[in-house]
Amino acid sequence: MKQKLLYIIFSLLFALNSQAQDHIYSQFYNAPNYLNPALNGQFDGDLRMNLVYRNQWSALPGNQNYLTFSADYNMPALNGGLGLLVTSSNEGTAYLRKLNISGIYSYSVDFDNAVLSFGLQAGFTQREIDYGKIVFGDQIDAIDGIIPGAVSDATLPEYNNKYFFDAGAGVNLVVGNFMSGLSAQHINRPNESFTGSKSTLPVRLNAHASYRLPLNPYGDDDGSSLIPSLVVYNQANANLISAGCQYKYKGANVGLWYRSDSKGGRDALVVSLIFDLFIRKDMYDKVRLGLSHDATLSKMQYGNTSGTSEAALSYETTFPGRSNGASGARRRSDSRRCYDFY
C-alpha cells in the first residue's frame, strides 16, 4: 500500500510539473514512421501497415502503455508517399493520456545506387489527465492508507484537456548497404500546459544509422547477414543511445541491443525476434511479427520492474495490376529501401 501511494504521488507530480519526454520503441525498425517521417513509403509494395505495442515496467503499479499504428501508401507518379500515424500513450494508471493523429508526406530522389528521401509530418495531439483516478489527502487514512470509496472535497482544476498542433520533419539517405537518417519532432514547440502557464514540449531529435553486411559470398538476399544499428535520441536534457546488431537469415531475425539512460548510464539490455510469417515474392506481400523484451539494468532493477515487453505486426502488399507499379516505375532504382535493412 505504501509503495502504491508513493507511486501515485510521484505520477501526479510528474504529470503536472515536468517537461514531457516522448517514449521510444525498442523495435524502432518496426515503427519506421514514428522514428522518421522520411521513412514513409520506403518499401517495395504499394501499401504498408505497422502496429507496435509497448508495455513498460509491467511489475510497477500504473505501468506505462504505448501503441502506435501507421499506414503508408506509395505514389510513384509523385516520387513519394502519403502516410497516417496514430500514437496513443497511457502513463501512470491513466493519470496522463495522450493521442496524436498525424499525416505524413514524403518525397524521394533516386540515384543509381542511392535514395535520398524527405518527410513532413503534421497533426494534432490531445493531452488529458483523468482526475478521477487521483487520490487526495482527505482520501488517505494515516494507519490504513487509501480509504476505499472515499470521495475527496478537493477542488479540481477547470481544464483537464489540451489540444495542440504538432509538426515534424526528417531526411533519410540509403547508399548501397548503408542507411542513415535524421528527424525532428515538435519543431513548432507546442504549449501543452493545462493551465495559463506555458509548458513547451521540447523538440525530439532522432539520428539513426544501419549497415547490412551480407555473410553469403554469393550475395543472395535470402542468405544470412549481420545488421548493426545505432539510434541516438535527444530531447530537452535527455540523451539516449540504442546500439546493437541483428542476425538475419531468410525469414528469421534475432537481435541484441544495449540502451543507455538519459544520463549516459545503463538502462536496458534488449533481445528481439522477428519472423516473416508469410511472404509472396511475386506480389511483394509480407506479414511480419516482431517480439522484444527489455531487461532493466538501471537502479530500478529488473526484479522490481519485470522489464518491458513489445510486440509488433507489419503487413505489406501490392495491389493487383500494380506489380510493376504505375507506368512500370514503382521500383525507381536498384537501391535498397529502409525495409530491406530489417
Protein backbone atom coordinates (compact mmCIF):
# COMPACT_ATOMS: atom_id res chain seq x y z
CA MET A 1 0.00 0.00 0.00
CA LYS A 2 2.83 2.41 0.85
CA GLN A 3 4.58 1.68 -2.44
CA LYS A 4 1.36 2.27 -4.38
CA LEU A 5 0.69 5.55 -2.56
CA LEU A 6 4.19 6.84 -3.25
CA TYR A 7 3.87 5.93 -6.90
CA ILE A 8 0.54 7.77 -7.14
CA ILE A 9 2.05 10.93 -5.68
CA PHE A 10 5.09 10.70 -7.94
CA SER A 11 2.96 10.15 -11.04
CA LEU A 12 0.78 13.17 -10.30
CA LEU A 13 3.72 15.47 -9.68
CA PHE A 14 5.41 14.23 -12.85
CA ALA A 15 2.30 14.79 -14.95
CA LEU A 16 1.68 18.31 -13.67
CA ASN A 17 5.15 19.75 -13.29
CA SER A 18 7.70 18.09 -15.55
CA GLN A 19 8.67 18.72 -19.14
CA ALA A 20 7.25 15.77 -21.06
CA GLN A 21 9.53 13.43 -22.97
CA ASP A 22 8.40 11.15 -25.74
CA HIS A 23 8.54 7.39 -25.35
CA ILE A 24 10.80 5.36 -27.59
CA TYR A 25 10.36 1.90 -29.04
CA SER A 26 12.97 -0.83 -28.71
CA GLN A 27 11.65 -2.12 -32.06
CA PHE A 28 12.29 1.18 -33.83
CA TYR A 29 12.65 -0.75 -37.10
CA ASN A 30 9.00 -1.87 -36.79
CA ALA A 31 7.82 1.71 -36.18
CA PRO A 32 9.60 3.46 -39.10
CA ASN A 33 7.20 6.40 -39.46
CA TYR A 34 7.43 7.11 -35.71
CA LEU A 35 11.22 7.11 -35.93
CA ASN A 36 11.49 9.29 -39.03
CA PRO A 37 8.77 10.61 -41.41
CA ALA A 38 11.31 10.33 -44.25
CA LEU A 39 10.98 6.52 -43.97
CA ASN A 40 7.37 6.85 -45.10
CA GLY A 41 6.88 4.98 -48.39
CA GLN A 42 10.35 3.41 -48.33
CA PHE A 43 9.36 -0.17 -49.13
CA ASP A 44 8.76 -2.35 -52.19
CA GLY A 45 4.96 -2.65 -52.14
CA ASP A 46 2.04 -0.29 -52.55
CA LEU A 47 0.62 -0.29 -49.01
CA ARG A 48 2.31 -0.94 -45.66
CA MET A 49 0.77 -1.04 -42.19
CA ASN A 50 2.63 -1.29 -38.87
CA LEU A 51 1.27 -1.80 -35.38
CA VAL A 52 3.53 -1.79 -32.31
CA TYR A 53 2.60 -2.04 -28.62
CA ARG A 54 4.89 -1.37 -25.65
CA ASN A 55 4.18 -2.33 -22.03
CA GLN A 56 6.80 -0.64 -19.87
CA TRP A 57 7.77 -1.79 -16.36
CA SER A 58 4.82 -4.16 -16.02
CA ALA A 59 5.50 -5.00 -12.36
CA LEU A 60 5.03 -1.41 -11.19
CA PRO A 61 1.54 -0.13 -10.35
CA GLY A 62 0.30 2.22 -13.04
CA ASN A 63 2.65 0.88 -15.69
CA GLN A 64 3.08 2.77 -18.94
CA ASN A 65 1.47 1.58 -22.18
CA TYR A 66 2.11 2.84 -25.69
CA LEU A 67 0.50 1.96 -29.01
CA THR A 68 1.40 3.22 -32.48
CA PHE A 69 -0.30 2.46 -35.79
CA SER A 70 0.98 3.67 -39.13
CA ALA A 71 -0.07 3.18 -42.74
CA ASP A 72 1.79 4.49 -45.76
CA TYR A 73 0.91 4.34 -49.45
CA ASN A 74 3.39 4.60 -52.30
CA MET A 75 2.65 7.09 -55.07
CA PRO A 76 5.29 6.50 -57.79
CA ALA A 77 3.86 9.21 -60.07
CA LEU A 78 4.80 11.76 -57.38
CA ASN A 79 8.06 10.05 -56.39
CA GLY A 80 6.70 9.94 -52.86
CA GLY A 81 4.12 8.58 -50.49
CA LEU A 82 1.29 9.51 -48.15
CA GLY A 83 1.04 8.19 -44.63
CA LEU A 84 -1.06 8.17 -41.45
CA LEU A 85 0.42 7.93 -37.96
CA VAL A 86 -1.64 7.37 -34.79
CA THR A 87 0.07 7.18 -31.39
CA SER A 88 -1.62 6.63 -28.05
CA SER A 89 0.00 6.62 -24.60
CA ASN A 90 -1.30 5.89 -21.13
CA GLU A 91 1.05 6.73 -18.25
CA GLY A 92 0.55 6.27 -14.52
CA THR A 93 -2.78 4.42 -14.09
CA ALA A 94 -4.47 6.72 -16.63
CA TYR A 95 -3.36 9.96 -14.95
CA LEU A 96 -1.89 11.17 -18.23
CA ARG A 97 -3.25 10.11 -21.61
CA LYS A 98 -2.08 11.37 -24.99
CA LEU A 99 -3.37 10.78 -28.50
CA ASN A 100 -1.68 12.06 -31.63
CA ILE A 101 -3.03 11.75 -35.16
CA SER A 102 -0.76 12.96 -37.95
CA GLY A 103 -0.49 12.88 -41.71
CA ILE A 104 2.84 12.34 -43.49
CA TYR A 105 4.09 13.28 -46.94
CA SER A 106 7.42 12.00 -48.22
CA TYR A 107 9.40 12.64 -51.38
CA SER A 108 12.36 10.67 -52.75
CA VAL A 109 15.21 11.49 -55.09
CA ASP A 110 16.68 8.37 -56.72
CA PHE A 111 20.21 7.81 -57.94
CA ASP A 112 21.89 4.75 -59.46
CA ASN A 113 22.71 3.20 -56.10
CA ALA A 114 21.17 5.61 -53.61
CA VAL A 115 17.87 7.05 -52.42
CA LEU A 116 17.53 10.40 -50.65
CA SER A 117 14.11 10.90 -49.06
CA PHE A 118 12.45 13.76 -47.22
CA GLY A 119 9.40 13.64 -44.97
CA LEU A 120 6.98 16.17 -43.46
CA GLN A 121 4.58 15.33 -40.64
CA ALA A 122 1.71 17.39 -39.23
CA GLY A 123 -1.23 16.65 -36.95
CA PHE A 124 -2.95 17.28 -33.64
CA THR A 125 -2.40 15.95 -30.12
CA GLN A 126 -4.87 15.58 -27.28
CA ARG A 127 -3.45 15.51 -23.76
CA GLU A 128 -5.69 14.59 -20.84
CA ILE A 129 -5.42 13.95 -17.10
CA ASP A 130 -8.03 11.67 -15.51
CA TYR A 131 -8.54 13.34 -12.12
CA GLY A 132 -10.99 10.60 -11.16
CA LYS A 133 -8.01 8.26 -10.70
CA ILE A 134 -6.07 10.62 -8.43
CA VAL A 135 -6.02 10.09 -4.64
CA PHE A 136 -6.06 13.27 -2.49
CA GLY A 137 -5.05 13.76 1.14
CA ASP A 138 -8.57 13.50 2.56
CA GLN A 139 -8.90 10.05 0.97
CA ILE A 140 -5.97 8.67 2.95
CA ASP A 141 -6.00 7.29 6.49
CA ALA A 142 -2.79 7.66 8.50
CA ILE A 143 -2.91 4.00 9.55
CA ASP A 144 -4.78 2.09 6.86
CA GLY A 145 -3.67 4.12 3.83
CA ILE A 146 -6.12 4.74 0.97
CA ILE A 147 -9.77 4.70 2.16
CA PRO A 148 -11.87 2.58 -0.26
CA GLY A 149 -14.73 4.54 -1.81
CA ALA A 150 -13.77 7.85 -0.17
CA VAL A 151 -14.78 10.99 -2.07
CA SER A 152 -12.45 13.99 -1.93
CA ASP A 153 -13.57 17.57 -1.27
CA ALA A 154 -10.61 18.88 -3.26
CA THR A 155 -11.36 21.44 -5.96
CA LEU A 156 -10.39 20.02 -9.34
CA PRO A 157 -8.77 22.19 -12.00
CA GLU A 158 -11.15 23.72 -14.51
CA TYR A 159 -9.47 22.09 -17.51
CA ASN A 160 -8.14 18.57 -17.92
CA ASN A 161 -7.88 18.51 -21.73
CA LYS A 162 -5.39 20.15 -24.04
CA TYR A 163 -5.33 20.15 -27.85
CA PHE A 164 -2.39 21.43 -29.87
CA PHE A 165 -0.91 21.34 -33.36
CA ASP A 166 2.27 19.29 -33.72
CA ALA A 167 4.75 19.04 -36.62
CA GLY A 168 7.88 17.13 -37.55
CA ALA A 169 10.30 16.58 -40.44
CA GLY A 170 13.05 14.19 -41.42
CA VAL A 171 15.61 13.17 -44.02
CA ASN A 172 16.99 9.72 -44.86
CA LEU A 173 19.79 8.50 -47.14
CA VAL A 174 20.41 4.98 -48.40
CA VAL A 175 23.69 4.30 -50.23
CA GLY A 176 24.25 0.68 -51.11
CA ASN A 177 24.17 -1.29 -47.88
CA PHE A 178 24.32 1.78 -45.63
CA MET A 179 21.39 3.82 -44.33
CA SER A 180 21.37 6.93 -42.14
CA GLY A 181 18.73 9.45 -41.20
CA LEU A 182 17.85 12.43 -39.02
CA SER A 183 14.44 13.63 -37.86
CA ALA A 184 12.97 16.28 -35.58
CA GLN A 185 9.59 16.15 -33.84
CA HIS A 186 7.64 19.00 -32.17
CA ILE A 187 9.55 21.53 -34.27
CA ASN A 188 6.82 24.10 -33.59
CA ARG A 189 7.43 23.64 -29.82
CA PRO A 190 3.72 23.42 -28.86
CA ASN A 191 2.43 24.55 -25.47
CA GLU A 192 0.91 21.52 -23.71
CA SER A 193 0.05 23.18 -20.39
CA PHE A 194 -3.39 22.61 -18.84
CA THR A 195 -3.22 26.00 -17.10
CA GLY A 196 -2.42 29.53 -18.18
CA SER A 197 1.29 28.99 -17.60
CA LYS A 198 3.48 27.95 -20.52
CA SER A 199 4.84 24.42 -20.76
CA THR A 200 6.67 23.93 -24.06
CA LEU A 201 7.07 20.44 -25.47
CA PRO A 202 10.80 20.08 -26.24
CA VAL A 203 11.99 19.17 -29.73
CA ARG A 204 12.86 15.49 -30.08
CA LEU A 205 15.81 14.69 -32.34
CA ASN A 206 16.43 11.19 -33.71
CA ALA A 207 19.58 10.15 -35.54
CA HIS A 208 19.90 6.60 -36.83
CA ALA A 209 22.29 4.52 -38.92
CA SER A 210 22.29 0.90 -40.10
CA TYR A 211 24.57 -1.25 -42.25
CA ARG A 212 23.75 -4.55 -43.88
CA LEU A 213 26.72 -6.92 -44.08
CA PRO A 214 25.96 -9.97 -46.24
CA LEU A 215 27.53 -13.20 -44.99
CA ASN A 216 26.70 -15.11 -48.14
CA PRO A 217 29.64 -14.85 -50.57
CA TYR A 218 27.23 -15.15 -53.49
CA GLY A 219 25.32 -12.06 -52.46
CA ASP A 220 21.94 -13.78 -52.20
CA ASP A 221 19.49 -11.53 -50.33
CA ASP A 222 17.81 -14.62 -48.84
CA GLY A 223 21.09 -15.61 -47.27
CA SER A 224 22.43 -14.63 -43.89
CA SER A 225 23.53 -11.13 -42.96
CA LEU A 226 24.53 -9.02 -39.98
CA ILE A 227 22.82 -5.66 -39.47
CA PRO A 228 24.47 -3.39 -36.87
CA SER A 229 22.45 -0.28 -35.99
CA LEU A 230 22.78 2.83 -33.88
CA VAL A 231 19.97 5.17 -32.80
CA VAL A 232 20.51 8.38 -30.81
CA TYR A 233 17.64 10.27 -29.15
CA ASN A 234 17.83 13.79 -27.76
CA GLN A 235 15.01 15.69 -26.06
CA ALA A 236 15.49 18.51 -23.55
CA ASN A 237 18.25 17.26 -21.22
CA ALA A 238 17.73 13.59 -22.06
CA ASN A 239 20.19 11.79 -24.34
CA LEU A 240 19.63 8.10 -25.03
CA ILE A 241 21.63 5.72 -27.21
CA SER A 242 20.47 2.37 -28.53
CA ALA A 243 23.15 0.23 -30.16
CA GLY A 244 23.02 -3.37 -31.27
CA CYS A 245 23.16 -5.91 -34.04
CA GLN A 246 20.73 -8.26 -35.76
CA TYR A 247 21.44 -11.57 -37.44
CA LYS A 248 19.08 -12.26 -40.33
CA TYR A 249 18.61 -15.50 -42.20
CA LYS A 250 15.77 -15.79 -44.69
CA GLY A 251 12.55 -15.05 -42.77
CA ALA A 252 14.03 -15.00 -39.27
CA ASN A 253 15.89 -12.28 -37.43
CA VAL A 254 17.37 -12.19 -33.93
CA GLY A 255 18.89 -9.09 -32.33
CA LEU A 256 20.70 -7.97 -29.20
CA TRP A 257 20.69 -4.31 -28.12
CA TYR A 258 22.07 -2.09 -25.37
CA ARG A 259 20.36 1.15 -24.41
CA SER A 260 21.68 3.90 -22.17
CA ASP A 261 19.58 6.11 -19.93
CA SER A 262 19.21 9.89 -20.19
CA LYS A 263 22.39 10.48 -18.17
CA GLY A 264 24.61 8.01 -20.01
CA GLY A 265 24.21 5.19 -17.51
CA ARG A 266 22.83 1.71 -18.11
CA ASP A 267 19.15 1.44 -18.91
CA ALA A 268 18.33 -1.90 -20.54
CA LEU A 269 19.53 -4.92 -22.49
CA VAL A 270 17.09 -5.81 -25.27
CA VAL A 271 16.54 -9.12 -27.04
CA SER A 272 14.47 -9.04 -30.24
CA LEU A 273 12.99 -11.65 -32.57
CA ILE A 274 11.42 -11.06 -36.00
CA PHE A 275 9.58 -13.66 -38.07
CA ASP A 276 8.27 -13.29 -41.60
CA LEU A 277 5.09 -15.32 -41.28
CA PHE A 278 4.08 -15.04 -44.91
CA ILE A 279 5.99 -13.90 -47.96
CA ARG A 280 4.68 -13.86 -51.52
CA LYS A 281 7.52 -12.54 -53.63
CA ASP A 282 5.64 -12.33 -56.90
CA MET A 283 3.25 -9.77 -55.36
CA TYR A 284 5.59 -8.40 -52.67
CA ASP A 285 3.20 -9.49 -49.91
CA LYS A 286 4.73 -9.70 -46.44
CA VAL A 287 3.39 -10.36 -42.95
CA ARG A 288 5.92 -9.85 -40.16
CA LEU A 289 5.79 -10.43 -36.40
CA GLY A 290 8.25 -8.77 -34.03
CA LEU A 291 8.80 -9.52 -30.34
CA SER A 292 11.24 -7.96 -27.90
CA HIS A 293 11.92 -7.73 -24.19
CA ASP A 294 13.94 -5.15 -22.25
CA ALA A 295 15.83 -6.38 -19.21
CA THR A 296 16.25 -3.42 -16.85
CA LEU A 297 19.86 -2.61 -15.97
CA SER A 298 19.29 0.65 -14.10
CA LYS A 299 18.99 1.15 -10.34
CA MET A 300 15.29 0.30 -10.59
CA GLN A 301 16.44 -3.31 -11.16
CA TYR A 302 14.75 -6.00 -13.19
CA GLY A 303 13.23 -7.70 -10.14
CA ASN A 304 11.27 -4.54 -9.31
CA THR A 305 10.06 -3.76 -12.84
CA SER A 306 9.84 -7.15 -14.63
CA GLY A 307 11.26 -5.31 -17.61
CA THR A 308 9.46 -4.05 -20.69
CA SER A 309 7.85 -6.04 -23.49
CA GLU A 310 6.95 -5.08 -27.05
CA ALA A 311 5.01 -6.75 -29.84
CA ALA A 312 4.76 -5.57 -33.44
CA LEU A 313 2.83 -6.68 -36.51
CA SER A 314 3.57 -5.47 -40.03
CA TYR A 315 1.78 -6.04 -43.31
CA GLU A 316 2.94 -5.03 -46.78
CA THR A 317 1.10 -5.67 -50.01
CA THR A 318 0.95 -4.81 -53.70
CA PHE A 319 -2.40 -4.19 -55.33
CA PRO A 320 -3.46 -6.22 -58.38
CA GLY A 321 -2.37 -4.59 -61.61
CA ARG A 322 0.43 -2.65 -59.92
CA SER A 323 3.05 -5.40 -59.65
CA ASN A 324 5.31 -3.28 -61.83
CA GLY A 325 3.96 -0.01 -60.48
CA ALA A 326 2.37 2.91 -62.25
CA SER A 327 3.84 3.17 -65.76
CA GLY A 328 6.22 0.39 -64.79
CA ALA A 329 8.12 2.69 -62.45
CA ARG A 330 7.25 1.56 -58.94
CA ARG A 331 10.81 0.41 -58.25
CA ARG A 332 12.56 3.64 -59.21
CA SER A 333 16.14 2.45 -58.68
CA ASP A 334 18.07 -0.66 -57.73
CA SER A 335 19.00 0.75 -54.33
CA ARG A 336 17.68 -0.65 -51.07
CA ARG A 337 14.85 0.78 -49.01
CA CYS A 338 14.61 1.01 -45.22
CA TYR A 339 12.57 -2.21 -45.09
CA ASP A 340 15.47 -4.14 -46.68
CA PHE A 341 17.66 -3.48 -43.63
CA TYR A 342 15.47 -5.49 -41.26
